[in-house]
Amino acid sequence: MDSCDSINLDGTSKPADQERGTYGHAQKMRAVMTYAFGRLRGLGSMPWHESKARGNNGVMTGNPSVSVQVSSYMCGLRRRKVHAGEVAVSARGITSEILQKLYHFNNLPENSNI
């Protein structure tokens, strides 16, 4: 996600001419990491936290990409992106009318010929 931010990890500003990814790109990277840590590494969807279990005091458990720090970073990144002029993209729900149009479009003869 560092490639999407205008600030380096050490707190310095990146040059204005350096290309950066969008907020949507950062969200996709976080989703990939959540999947990788959760499913592939078996860490689940529990937020990253310090274990309080007896004998495991101080051991970090959970999914690092679901941590409070990453969530806070993503909120700040979005705020910085919008402030810098990036257009916020919002999702819209699929209605029955959209599904009906999609169905009819996909069943037109000209769209089914390979």
Protein backbone atom coordinates (compact mmCIF):
# COMPACT_ATOMS: atom_id res chain seq x y z
CA MET A 1 0.00 0.00 0.00
CA ASP A 2 3.06 2.23 0.37
CA SER A 3 3.05 2.62 -3.42
CA CYS A 4 -0.36 4.32 -3.16
CA ASP A 5 0.57 6.89 -0.52
CA SER A 6 2.12 10.34 -0.96
CA ILE A 7 4.12 9.84 2.25
CA ASN A 8 7.11 7.50 2.63
CA LEU A 9 7.26 5.08 5.55
CA ASP A 10 9.77 7.38 7.27
CA GLY A 11 7.29 10.28 7.14
CA THR A 12 8.89 12.23 4.30
CA SER A 13 6.88 13.32 1.27
CA LYS A 14 7.28 11.53 -2.04
CA PRO A 15 8.17 13.59 -5.13
CA ALA A 16 5.08 14.96 -6.91
CA ASP A 17 6.12 13.35 -10.21
CA GLN A 18 6.30 9.84 -8.73
CA GLU A 19 3.39 7.69 -9.89
CA ARG A 20 1.10 6.36 -7.16
CA GLY A 21 -1.68 3.81 -7.08
CA THR A 22 -5.29 4.68 -6.31
CA TYR A 23 -7.15 4.08 -3.08
CA GLY A 24 -9.00 1.26 -4.86
CA HIS A 25 -5.65 -0.37 -5.60
CA ALA A 26 -4.71 -0.14 -1.92
CA GLN A 27 -8.04 -1.76 -0.98
CA LYS A 28 -7.34 -4.63 -3.38
CA MET A 29 -3.88 -5.14 -1.93
CA ARG A 30 -5.33 -5.24 1.58
CA ALA A 31 -7.99 -7.73 0.46
CA VAL A 32 -5.29 -9.98 -1.02
CA MET A 33 -3.28 -9.84 2.21
CA THR A 34 -6.38 -10.55 4.31
CA TYR A 35 -7.03 -13.63 2.16
CA ALA A 36 -3.38 -14.72 2.19
CA PHE A 37 -2.99 -14.41 5.95
CA GLY A 38 -6.49 -15.72 6.71
CA ARG A 39 -6.83 -18.65 4.34
CA LEU A 40 -3.39 -19.56 3.08
CA ARG A 41 -1.55 -19.07 6.40
CA GLY A 42 -4.55 -20.18 8.49
CA LEU A 43 -4.73 -17.05 10.68
CA GLY A 44 -8.48 -16.51 10.20
CA SER A 45 -10.28 -13.17 10.36
CA MET A 46 -9.63 -12.27 13.99
CA PRO A 47 -7.85 -8.90 14.32
CA TRP A 48 -4.11 -8.91 15.05
CA HIS A 49 -3.68 -8.64 18.81
CA GLU A 50 -1.49 -9.63 21.72
CA SER A 51 -2.52 -12.94 23.23
CA LYS A 52 -3.62 -12.86 26.86
CA ALA A 53 -3.76 -16.66 27.13
CA ARG A 54 -1.82 -18.26 29.96
CA GLY A 55 1.67 -19.12 28.80
CA ASN A 56 1.31 -17.08 25.59
CA ASN A 57 1.54 -13.61 27.09
CA GLY A 58 3.13 -11.22 24.59
CA VAL A 59 2.59 -13.50 21.58
CA MET A 60 0.81 -11.83 18.65
CA THR A 61 -2.12 -13.77 17.14
CA GLY A 62 -4.76 -13.13 14.51
CA ASN A 63 -4.63 -11.64 11.03
CA PRO A 64 -2.22 -8.67 10.69
CA SER A 65 -4.16 -7.14 7.78
CA VAL A 66 -7.26 -6.85 9.98
CA SER A 67 -5.39 -4.91 12.68
CA VAL A 68 -6.49 -1.57 14.12
CA GLN A 69 -3.30 -0.01 12.75
CA VAL A 70 -3.99 -1.11 9.16
CA SER A 71 -7.63 0.04 9.42
CA SER A 72 -6.48 3.41 10.73
CA TYR A 73 -3.90 3.69 7.94
CA MET A 74 -6.53 2.92 5.29
CA CYS A 75 -8.87 5.61 6.68
CA GLY A 76 -6.03 8.13 6.64
CA LEU A 77 -5.01 7.10 3.13
CA ARG A 78 -8.53 7.60 1.86
CA ARG A 79 -8.70 11.03 3.50
CA ARG A 80 -5.36 12.02 1.93
CA LYS A 81 -6.39 10.71 -1.50
CA VAL A 82 -9.69 12.62 -1.48
CA HIS A 83 -7.92 15.76 -0.23
CA ALA A 84 -5.41 15.43 -3.07
CA GLY A 85 -8.25 15.33 -5.60
CA GLU A 86 -8.78 11.63 -6.21
CA VAL A 87 -12.43 10.95 -6.90
CA ALA A 88 -13.97 8.71 -4.26
CA VAL A 89 -15.49 5.59 -5.80
CA SER A 90 -18.59 4.20 -4.20
CA ALA A 91 -20.29 0.89 -4.83
CA ARG A 92 -23.93 0.62 -5.65
CA GLY A 93 -26.23 -2.28 -5.01
CA ILE A 94 -27.50 -4.51 -7.76
CA THR A 95 -31.23 -4.14 -8.21
CA SER A 96 -33.63 -6.59 -9.80
CA GLU A 97 -33.87 -4.24 -12.81
CA ILE A 98 -30.09 -4.37 -13.36
CA LEU A 99 -30.15 -8.18 -13.11
CA GLN A 100 -33.02 -8.33 -15.60
CA LYS A 101 -31.16 -6.11 -18.11
CA LEU A 102 -28.02 -8.21 -17.63
CA TYR A 103 -29.96 -11.43 -18.21
CA HIS A 104 -31.60 -10.13 -21.40
CA PHE A 105 -28.32 -8.73 -22.72
CA ASN A 106 -26.49 -12.02 -22.14
CA ASN A 107 -29.25 -13.97 -23.91
CA LEU A 108 -29.24 -11.92 -27.12
CA PRO A 109 -28.27 -14.13 -30.10
CA GLU A 110 -25.43 -11.80 -31.15
CA ASN A 111 -23.87 -12.09 -27.69
CA SER A 112 -23.97 -15.88 -27.55
CA ASN A 113 -22.11 -16.60 -30.79
CA ILE A 114 -18.42 -17.32 -30.33
